[in-house]
Amino acid sequence: GHALAAGPWGEVLADLGTAPAASRVLELDLGEVARR
């Protein structure tokens, strides 16, 4: 489990844990990639 999203600096943006069914919509700032 623990569906996860991480940012370009290595920070955890989302972690769905051990939920048997879960979803989350994330808005990724692509400018952050260019800046990093």
ModelCIF file with pLDDT and N, C-alpha, C, O atoms, coordinates in Angstrom:
data_MODEL
#
_entry.id   MODEL 
#
_entity.id                         1 
_entity.type                       polymer 
_entity.pdbx_number_of_molecules   1 
#
_entity_poly.entity_id                      1 
_entity_poly.type                           'polypeptide(L)' 
_entity_poly.nstd_linkage                   no 
_entity_poly.nstd_monomer                   no 
_entity_poly.pdbx_seq_one_letter_code       GHALAAGPWGEVLADLGTAPAASRVLELDLGEVARR 
_entity_poly.pdbx_seq_one_letter_code_can   GHALAAGPWGEVLADLGTAPAASRVLELDLGEVARR 
_entity_poly.pdbx_strand_id                 A 
#
loop_
_entity_poly_seq.entity_id 
_entity_poly_seq.num 
_entity_poly_seq.mon_id 
_entity_poly_seq.hetero 
1 1  GLY n 
1 2  HIS n 
1 3  ALA n 
1 4  LEU n 
1 5  ALA n 
1 6  ALA n 
1 7  GLY n 
1 8  PRO n 
1 9  TRP n 
1 10 GLY n 
1 11 GLU n 
1 12 VAL n 
1 13 LEU n 
1 14 ALA n 
1 15 ASP n 
1 16 LEU n 
1 17 GLY n 
1 18 THR n 
1 19 ALA n 
1 20 PRO n 
1 21 ALA n 
1 22 ALA n 
1 23 SER n 
1 24 ARG n 
1 25 VAL n 
1 26 LEU n 
1 27 GLU n 
1 28 LEU n 
1 29 ASP n 
1 30 LEU n 
1 31 GLY n 
1 32 GLU n 
1 33 VAL n 
1 34 ALA n 
1 35 ARG n 
1 36 ARG n 
#
_struct_asym.id          A 
_struct_asym.entity_id   1 
#
loop_
_ma_qa_metric.id 
_ma_qa_metric.mode 
_ma_qa_metric.name 
_ma_qa_metric.software_group_id 
_ma_qa_metric.type 
1 global pLDDT . pLDDT 
2 local  pLDDT . pLDDT 
#
_ma_qa_metric_global.metric_id      1 
_ma_qa_metric_global.metric_value   97.64 
_ma_qa_metric_global.model_id       1 
_ma_qa_metric_global.ordinal_id     1 
#
loop_
_ma_qa_metric_local.label_asym_id 
_ma_qa_metric_local.label_comp_id 
_ma_qa_metric_local.label_seq_id 
_ma_qa_metric_local.metric_id 
_ma_qa_metric_local.metric_value 
_ma_qa_metric_local.model_id 
_ma_qa_metric_local.ordinal_id 
A GLY 1  2 98.00 1 1  
A HIS 2  2 98.00 1 2  
A ALA 3  2 98.00 1 3  
A LEU 4  2 98.00 1 4  
A ALA 5  2 98.00 1 5  
A ALA 6  2 98.00 1 6  
A GLY 7  2 98.00 1 7  
A PRO 8  2 98.00 1 8  
A TRP 9  2 97.00 1 9  
A GLY 10 2 97.00 1 10 
A GLU 11 2 98.00 1 11 
A VAL 12 2 98.00 1 12 
A LEU 13 2 98.00 1 13 
A ALA 14 2 98.00 1 14 
A ASP 15 2 98.00 1 15 
A LEU 16 2 98.00 1 16 
A GLY 17 2 98.00 1 17 
A THR 18 2 97.00 1 18 
A ALA 19 2 97.00 1 19 
A PRO 20 2 97.00 1 20 
A ALA 21 2 97.00 1 21 
A ALA 22 2 98.00 1 22 
A SER 23 2 98.00 1 23 
A ARG 24 2 98.00 1 24 
A VAL 25 2 98.00 1 25 
A LEU 26 2 98.00 1 26 
A GLU 27 2 98.00 1 27 
A LEU 28 2 98.00 1 28 
A ASP 29 2 98.00 1 29 
A LEU 30 2 98.00 1 30 
A GLY 31 2 97.00 1 31 
A GLU 32 2 97.00 1 32 
A VAL 33 2 98.00 1 33 
A ALA 34 2 96.00 1 34 
A ARG 35 2 96.00 1 35 
A ARG 36 2 97.00 1 36 
#
loop_
_atom_site.group_PDB 
_atom_site.id 
_atom_site.type_symbol 
_atom_site.label_atom_id 
_atom_site.label_alt_id 
_atom_site.label_comp_id 
_atom_site.label_asym_id 
_atom_site.label_entity_id 
_atom_site.label_seq_id 
_atom_site.pdbx_PDB_ins_code 
_atom_site.Cartn_x 
_atom_site.Cartn_y 
_atom_site.Cartn_z 
_atom_site.occupancy 
_atom_site.B_iso_or_equiv 
_atom_site.pdbx_formal_charge 
_atom_site.auth_seq_id 
_atom_site.auth_comp_id 
_atom_site.auth_asym_id 
_atom_site.auth_atom_id 
_atom_site.pdbx_PDB_model_num 
ATOM 1   N N  . GLY A 1 1  ? 0.829   -1.205 0.000   1.00 98.00 ? 1  GLY A N  1 
ATOM 2   C CA . GLY A 1 1  ? 0.000   0.000  0.000   1.00 98.00 ? 1  GLY A CA 1 
ATOM 3   C C  . GLY A 1 1  ? 0.857   1.247  0.000   1.00 98.00 ? 1  GLY A C  1 
ATOM 4   O O  . GLY A 1 1  ? 1.905   1.293  -0.645  1.00 98.00 ? 1  GLY A O  1 
ATOM 5   N N  . HIS A 1 2  ? 0.401   2.280  0.741   1.00 98.00 ? 2  HIS A N  1 
ATOM 6   C CA . HIS A 1 2  ? 1.122   3.544  0.858   1.00 98.00 ? 2  HIS A CA 1 
ATOM 7   C C  . HIS A 1 2  ? 1.384   4.170  -0.520  1.00 98.00 ? 2  HIS A C  1 
ATOM 8   O O  . HIS A 1 2  ? 2.494   4.625  -0.796  1.00 98.00 ? 2  HIS A O  1 
ATOM 9   N N  . ALA A 1 3  ? 0.361   4.191  -1.378  1.00 98.00 ? 3  ALA A N  1 
ATOM 10  C CA . ALA A 1 3  ? 0.487   4.947  -2.625  1.00 98.00 ? 3  ALA A CA 1 
ATOM 11  C C  . ALA A 1 3  ? 1.018   6.327  -2.283  1.00 98.00 ? 3  ALA A C  1 
ATOM 12  O O  . ALA A 1 3  ? 0.528   6.974  -1.358  1.00 98.00 ? 3  ALA A O  1 
ATOM 13  N N  . LEU A 1 4  ? 2.018   6.780  -3.028  1.00 98.00 ? 4  LEU A N  1 
ATOM 14  C CA . LEU A 1 4  ? 2.801   7.924  -2.569  1.00 98.00 ? 4  LEU A CA 1 
ATOM 15  C C  . LEU A 1 4  ? 3.162   8.839  -3.720  1.00 98.00 ? 4  LEU A C  1 
ATOM 16  O O  . LEU A 1 4  ? 3.347   8.390  -4.851  1.00 98.00 ? 4  LEU A O  1 
ATOM 17  N N  . ALA A 1 5  ? 3.260   10.122 -3.425  1.00 98.00 ? 5  ALA A N  1 
ATOM 18  C CA . ALA A 1 5  ? 3.785   11.103 -4.368  1.00 98.00 ? 5  ALA A CA 1 
ATOM 19  C C  . ALA A 1 5  ? 4.883   11.890 -3.670  1.00 98.00 ? 5  ALA A C  1 
ATOM 20  O O  . ALA A 1 5  ? 4.748   12.263 -2.505  1.00 98.00 ? 5  ALA A O  1 
ATOM 21  N N  . ALA A 1 6  ? 5.971   12.138 -4.389  1.00 98.00 ? 6  ALA A N  1 
ATOM 22  C CA . ALA A 1 6  ? 7.096   12.902 -3.852  1.00 98.00 ? 6  ALA A CA 1 
ATOM 23  C C  . ALA A 1 6  ? 7.412   14.049 -4.788  1.00 98.00 ? 6  ALA A C  1 
ATOM 24  O O  . ALA A 1 6  ? 7.242   13.940 -6.002  1.00 98.00 ? 6  ALA A O  1 
ATOM 25  N N  . GLY A 1 7  ? 7.876   15.159 -4.212  1.00 98.00 ? 7  GLY A N  1 
ATOM 26  C CA . GLY A 1 7  ? 8.244   16.327 -4.997  1.00 98.00 ? 7  GLY A CA 1 
ATOM 27  C C  . GLY A 1 7  ? 9.694   16.287 -5.419  1.00 98.00 ? 7  GLY A C  1 
ATOM 28  O O  . GLY A 1 7  ? 10.448  15.428 -4.961  1.00 98.00 ? 7  GLY A O  1 
ATOM 29  N N  . PRO A 1 8  ? 10.100  17.205 -6.286  1.00 98.00 ? 8  PRO A N  1 
ATOM 30  C CA . PRO A 1 8  ? 11.463  17.197 -6.820  1.00 98.00 ? 8  PRO A CA 1 
ATOM 31  C C  . PRO A 1 8  ? 12.542  17.535 -5.802  1.00 98.00 ? 8  PRO A C  1 
ATOM 32  O O  . PRO A 1 8  ? 13.727  17.410 -6.111  1.00 98.00 ? 8  PRO A O  1 
ATOM 33  N N  . TRP A 1 9  ? 12.176  17.952 -4.618  1.00 97.00 ? 9  TRP A N  1 
ATOM 34  C CA . TRP A 1 9  ? 13.124  18.162 -3.520  1.00 97.00 ? 9  TRP A CA 1 
ATOM 35  C C  . TRP A 1 9  ? 13.143  16.966 -2.580  1.00 97.00 ? 9  TRP A C  1 
ATOM 36  O O  . TRP A 1 9  ? 13.871  16.961 -1.588  1.00 97.00 ? 9  TRP A O  1 
ATOM 37  N N  . GLY A 1 10 ? 12.334  15.943 -2.898  1.00 97.00 ? 10 GLY A N  1 
ATOM 38  C CA . GLY A 1 10 ? 12.291  14.722 -2.102  1.00 97.00 ? 10 GLY A CA 1 
ATOM 39  C C  . GLY A 1 10 ? 11.224  14.700 -1.036  1.00 97.00 ? 10 GLY A C  1 
ATOM 40  O O  . GLY A 1 10 ? 11.125  13.729 -0.286  1.00 97.00 ? 10 GLY A O  1 
ATOM 41  N N  . GLU A 1 11 ? 10.417  15.751 -0.949  1.00 98.00 ? 11 GLU A N  1 
ATOM 42  C CA . GLU A 1 11 ? 9.390   15.807 0.084   1.00 98.00 ? 11 GLU A CA 1 
ATOM 43  C C  . GLU A 1 11 ? 8.205   14.926 -0.282  1.00 98.00 ? 11 GLU A C  1 
ATOM 44  O O  . GLU A 1 11 ? 7.860   14.810 -1.458  1.00 98.00 ? 11 GLU A O  1 
ATOM 45  N N  . VAL A 1 12 ? 7.572   14.297 0.724   1.00 98.00 ? 12 VAL A N  1 
ATOM 46  C CA . VAL A 1 12 ? 6.384   13.481 0.496   1.00 98.00 ? 12 VAL A CA 1 
ATOM 47  C C  . VAL A 1 12 ? 5.180   14.404 0.387   1.00 98.00 ? 12 VAL A C  1 
ATOM 48  O O  . VAL A 1 12 ? 4.890   15.174 1.303   1.00 98.00 ? 12 VAL A O  1 
ATOM 49  N N  . LEU A 1 13 ? 4.489   14.321 -0.726  1.00 98.00 ? 13 LEU A N  1 
ATOM 50  C CA . LEU A 1 13 ? 3.320   15.161 -0.971  1.00 98.00 ? 13 LEU A CA 1 
ATOM 51  C C  . LEU A 1 13 ? 2.025   14.468 -0.595  1.00 98.00 ? 13 LEU A C  1 
ATOM 52  O O  . LEU A 1 13 ? 1.042   15.127 -0.254  1.00 98.00 ? 13 LEU A O  1 
ATOM 53  N N  . ALA A 1 14 ? 2.016   13.136 -0.654  1.00 98.00 ? 14 ALA A N  1 
ATOM 54  C CA . ALA A 1 14 ? 0.818   12.365 -0.313  1.00 98.00 ? 14 ALA A CA 1 
ATOM 55  C C  . ALA A 1 14 ? 1.230   10.940 -0.001  1.00 98.00 ? 14 ALA A C  1 
ATOM 56  O O  . ALA A 1 14 ? 2.168   10.408 -0.593  1.00 98.00 ? 14 ALA A O  1 
ATOM 57  N N  . ASP A 1 15 ? 0.511   10.322 0.943   1.00 98.00 ? 15 ASP A N  1 
ATOM 58  C CA . ASP A 1 15 ? 0.718   8.919  1.307   1.00 98.00 ? 15 ASP A CA 1 
ATOM 59  C C  . ASP A 1 15 ? -0.647  8.374  1.704   1.00 98.00 ? 15 ASP A C  1 
ATOM 60  O O  . ASP A 1 15 ? -1.228  8.816  2.695   1.00 98.00 ? 15 ASP A O  1 
ATOM 61  N N  . LEU A 1 16 ? -1.161  7.418  0.937   1.00 98.00 ? 16 LEU A N  1 
ATOM 62  C CA . LEU A 1 16 ? -2.511  6.903  1.186   1.00 98.00 ? 16 LEU A CA 1 
ATOM 63  C C  . LEU A 1 16 ? -2.556  5.809  2.250   1.00 98.00 ? 16 LEU A C  1 
ATOM 64  O O  . LEU A 1 16 ? -3.614  5.229  2.494   1.00 98.00 ? 16 LEU A O  1 
ATOM 65  N N  . GLY A 1 17 ? -1.423  5.523  2.881   1.00 98.00 ? 17 GLY A N  1 
ATOM 66  C CA . GLY A 1 17 ? -1.408  4.604  4.013   1.00 98.00 ? 17 GLY A CA 1 
ATOM 67  C C  . GLY A 1 17 ? -1.826  3.199  3.624   1.00 98.00 ? 17 GLY A C  1 
ATOM 68  O O  . GLY A 1 17 ? -1.418  2.682  2.584   1.00 98.00 ? 17 GLY A O  1 
ATOM 69  N N  . THR A 1 18 ? -2.639  2.589  4.465   1.00 97.00 ? 18 THR A N  1 
ATOM 70  C CA . THR A 1 18 ? -3.082  1.212  4.229   1.00 97.00 ? 18 THR A CA 1 
ATOM 71  C C  . THR A 1 18 ? -4.586  1.141  3.954   1.00 97.00 ? 18 THR A C  1 
ATOM 72  O O  . THR A 1 18 ? -5.205  0.097  4.158   1.00 97.00 ? 18 THR A O  1 
ATOM 73  N N  . ALA A 1 19 ? -5.168  2.241  3.495   1.00 97.00 ? 19 ALA A N  1 
ATOM 74  C CA . ALA A 1 19 ? -6.594  2.247  3.163   1.00 97.00 ? 19 ALA A CA 1 
ATOM 75  C C  . ALA A 1 19 ? -6.889  1.203  2.101   1.00 97.00 ? 19 ALA A C  1 
ATOM 76  O O  . ALA A 1 19 ? -6.146  1.106  1.124   1.00 97.00 ? 19 ALA A O  1 
ATOM 77  N N  . PRO A 1 20 ? -7.955  0.412  2.261   1.00 97.00 ? 20 PRO A N  1 
ATOM 78  C CA . PRO A 1 20 ? -8.268  -0.639 1.284   1.00 97.00 ? 20 PRO A CA 1 
ATOM 79  C C  . PRO A 1 20 ? -8.741  -0.101 -0.059  1.00 97.00 ? 20 PRO A C  1 
ATOM 80  O O  . PRO A 1 20 ? -8.726  -0.824 -1.055  1.00 97.00 ? 20 PRO A O  1 
ATOM 81  N N  . ALA A 1 21 ? -9.154  1.139  -0.098  1.00 97.00 ? 21 ALA A N  1 
ATOM 82  C CA . ALA A 1 21 ? -9.534  1.797  -1.352  1.00 97.00 ? 21 ALA A CA 1 
ATOM 83  C C  . ALA A 1 21 ? -9.465  3.298  -1.116  1.00 97.00 ? 21 ALA A C  1 
ATOM 84  O O  . ALA A 1 21 ? -10.171 3.828  -0.258  1.00 97.00 ? 21 ALA A O  1 
ATOM 85  N N  . ALA A 1 22 ? -8.611  3.988  -1.879  1.00 98.00 ? 22 ALA A N  1 
ATOM 86  C CA . ALA A 1 22 ? -8.441  5.417  -1.655  1.00 98.00 ? 22 ALA A CA 1 
ATOM 87  C C  . ALA A 1 22 ? -7.925  6.070  -2.924  1.00 98.00 ? 22 ALA A C  1 
ATOM 88  O O  . ALA A 1 22 ? -7.287  5.433  -3.762  1.00 98.00 ? 22 ALA A O  1 
ATOM 89  N N  . SER A 1 23 ? -8.218  7.360  -3.043  1.00 98.00 ? 23 SER A N  1 
ATOM 90  C CA . SER A 1 23 ? -7.695  8.147  -4.157  1.00 98.00 ? 23 SER A CA 1 
ATOM 91  C C  . SER A 1 23 ? -7.478  9.575  -3.676  1.00 98.00 ? 23 SER A C  1 
ATOM 92  O O  . SER A 1 23 ? -8.064  10.021 -2.690  1.00 98.00 ? 23 SER A O  1 
ATOM 93  N N  . ARG A 1 24 ? -6.621  10.271 -4.400  1.00 98.00 ? 24 ARG A N  1 
ATOM 94  C CA . ARG A 1 24 ? -6.376  11.681 -4.091  1.00 98.00 ? 24 ARG A CA 1 
ATOM 95  C C  . ARG A 1 24 ? -5.884  12.355 -5.357  1.00 98.00 ? 24 ARG A C  1 
ATOM 96  O O  . ARG A 1 24 ? -5.018  11.824 -6.052  1.00 98.00 ? 24 ARG A O  1 
ATOM 97  N N  . VAL A 1 25 ? -6.432  13.524 -5.660  1.00 98.00 ? 25 VAL A N  1 
ATOM 98  C CA . VAL A 1 25 ? -5.990  14.293 -6.817  1.00 98.00 ? 25 VAL A CA 1 
ATOM 99  C C  . VAL A 1 25 ? -4.993  15.345 -6.352  1.00 98.00 ? 25 VAL A C  1 
ATOM 100 O O  . VAL A 1 25 ? -5.270  16.121 -5.437  1.00 98.00 ? 25 VAL A O  1 
ATOM 101 N N  . LEU A 1 26 ? -3.828  15.360 -6.993  1.00 98.00 ? 26 LEU A N  1 
ATOM 102 C CA . LEU A 1 26 ? -2.753  16.278 -6.645  1.00 98.00 ? 26 LEU A CA 1 
ATOM 103 C C  . LEU A 1 26 ? -2.509  17.244 -7.796  1.00 98.00 ? 26 LEU A C  1 
ATOM 104 O O  . LEU A 1 26 ? -2.588  16.862 -8.963  1.00 98.00 ? 26 LEU A O  1 
ATOM 105 N N  . GLU A 1 27 ? -2.217  18.480 -7.467  1.00 98.00 ? 27 GLU A N  1 
ATOM 106 C CA . GLU A 1 27 ? -1.821  19.460 -8.474  1.00 98.00 ? 27 GLU A CA 1 
ATOM 107 C C  . GLU A 1 27 ? -0.314  19.639 -8.390  1.00 98.00 ? 27 GLU A C  1 
ATOM 108 O O  . GLU A 1 27 ? 0.210   20.129 -7.390  1.00 98.00 ? 27 GLU A O  1 
ATOM 109 N N  . LEU A 1 28 ? 0.377   19.238 -9.447  1.00 98.00 ? 28 LEU A N  1 
ATOM 110 C CA . LEU A 1 28 ? 1.833   19.312 -9.474  1.00 98.00 ? 28 LEU A CA 1 
ATOM 111 C C  . LEU A 1 28 ? 2.268   20.586 -10.193 1.00 98.00 ? 28 LEU A C  1 
ATOM 112 O O  . LEU A 1 28 ? 1.876   20.824 -11.336 1.00 98.00 ? 28 LEU A O  1 
ATOM 113 N N  . ASP A 1 29 ? 3.069   21.393 -9.532  1.00 98.00 ? 29 ASP A N  1 
ATOM 114 C CA . ASP A 1 29 ? 3.597   22.631 -10.096 1.00 98.00 ? 29 ASP A CA 1 
ATOM 115 C C  . ASP A 1 29 ? 4.857   22.286 -10.891 1.00 98.00 ? 29 ASP A C  1 
ATOM 116 O O  . ASP A 1 29 ? 5.924   22.089 -10.309 1.00 98.00 ? 29 ASP A O  1 
ATOM 117 N N  . LEU A 1 30 ? 4.738   22.214 -12.200 1.00 98.00 ? 30 LEU A N  1 
ATOM 118 C CA . LEU A 1 30 ? 5.866   21.801 -13.022 1.00 98.00 ? 30 LEU A CA 1 
ATOM 119 C C  . LEU A 1 30 ? 6.986   22.834 -13.023 1.00 98.00 ? 30 LEU A C  1 
ATOM 120 O O  . LEU A 1 30 ? 8.133   22.511 -13.331 1.00 98.00 ? 30 LEU A O  1 
ATOM 121 N N  . GLY A 1 31 ? 6.655   24.063 -12.683 1.00 97.00 ? 31 GLY A N  1 
ATOM 122 C CA . GLY A 1 31 ? 7.696   25.072 -12.539 1.00 97.00 ? 31 GLY A CA 1 
ATOM 123 C C  . GLY A 1 31 ? 8.688   24.723 -11.447 1.00 97.00 ? 31 GLY A C  1 
ATOM 124 O O  . GLY A 1 31 ? 9.846   25.138 -11.500 1.00 97.00 ? 31 GLY A O  1 
ATOM 125 N N  . GLU A 1 32 ? 8.243   23.966 -10.460 1.00 97.00 ? 32 GLU A N  1 
ATOM 126 C CA . GLU A 1 32 ? 9.128   23.545 -9.377  1.00 97.00 ? 32 GLU A CA 1 
ATOM 127 C C  . GLU A 1 32 ? 10.248  22.655 -9.905  1.00 97.00 ? 32 GLU A C  1 
ATOM 128 O O  . GLU A 1 32 ? 11.374  22.708 -9.411  1.00 97.00 ? 32 GLU A O  1 
ATOM 129 N N  . VAL A 1 33 ? 9.937   21.841 -10.908 1.00 98.00 ? 33 VAL A N  1 
ATOM 130 C CA . VAL A 1 33 ? 10.974  20.996 -11.519 1.00 98.00 ? 33 VAL A CA 1 
ATOM 131 C C  . VAL A 1 33 ? 12.056  21.870 -12.132 1.00 98.00 ? 33 VAL A C  1 
ATOM 132 O O  . VAL A 1 33 ? 13.244  21.645 -11.900 1.00 98.00 ? 33 VAL A O  1 
ATOM 133 N N  . ALA A 1 34 ? 11.652  22.865 -12.913 1.00 96.00 ? 34 ALA A N  1 
ATOM 134 C CA . ALA A 1 34 ? 12.623  23.757 -13.552 1.00 96.00 ? 34 ALA A CA 1 
ATOM 135 C C  . ALA A 1 34 ? 13.451  24.503 -12.521 1.00 96.00 ? 34 ALA A C  1 
ATOM 136 O O  . ALA A 1 34 ? 14.659  24.667 -12.692 1.00 96.00 ? 34 ALA A O  1 
ATOM 137 N N  . ARG A 1 35 ? 12.806  24.957 -11.447 1.00 96.00 ? 35 ARG A N  1 
ATOM 138 C CA . ARG A 1 35 ? 13.542  25.703 -10.419 1.00 96.00 ? 35 ARG A CA 1 
ATOM 139 C C  . ARG A 1 35 ? 14.567  24.825 -9.725  1.00 96.00 ? 35 ARG A C  1 
ATOM 140 O O  . ARG A 1 35 ? 15.696  25.256 -9.491  1.00 96.00 ? 35 ARG A O  1 
ATOM 141 N N  . ARG A 1 36 ? 14.185  23.596 -9.392  1.00 97.00 ? 36 ARG A N  1 
ATOM 142 C CA . ARG A 1 36 ? 15.119  22.700 -8.710  1.00 97.00 ? 36 ARG A CA 1 
ATOM 143 C C  . ARG A 1 36 ? 16.265  22.295 -9.631  1.00 97.00 ? 36 ARG A C  1 
ATOM 144 O O  . ARG A 1 36 ? 17.148  21.541 -9.223  1.00 97.00 ? 36 ARG A O  1 
#
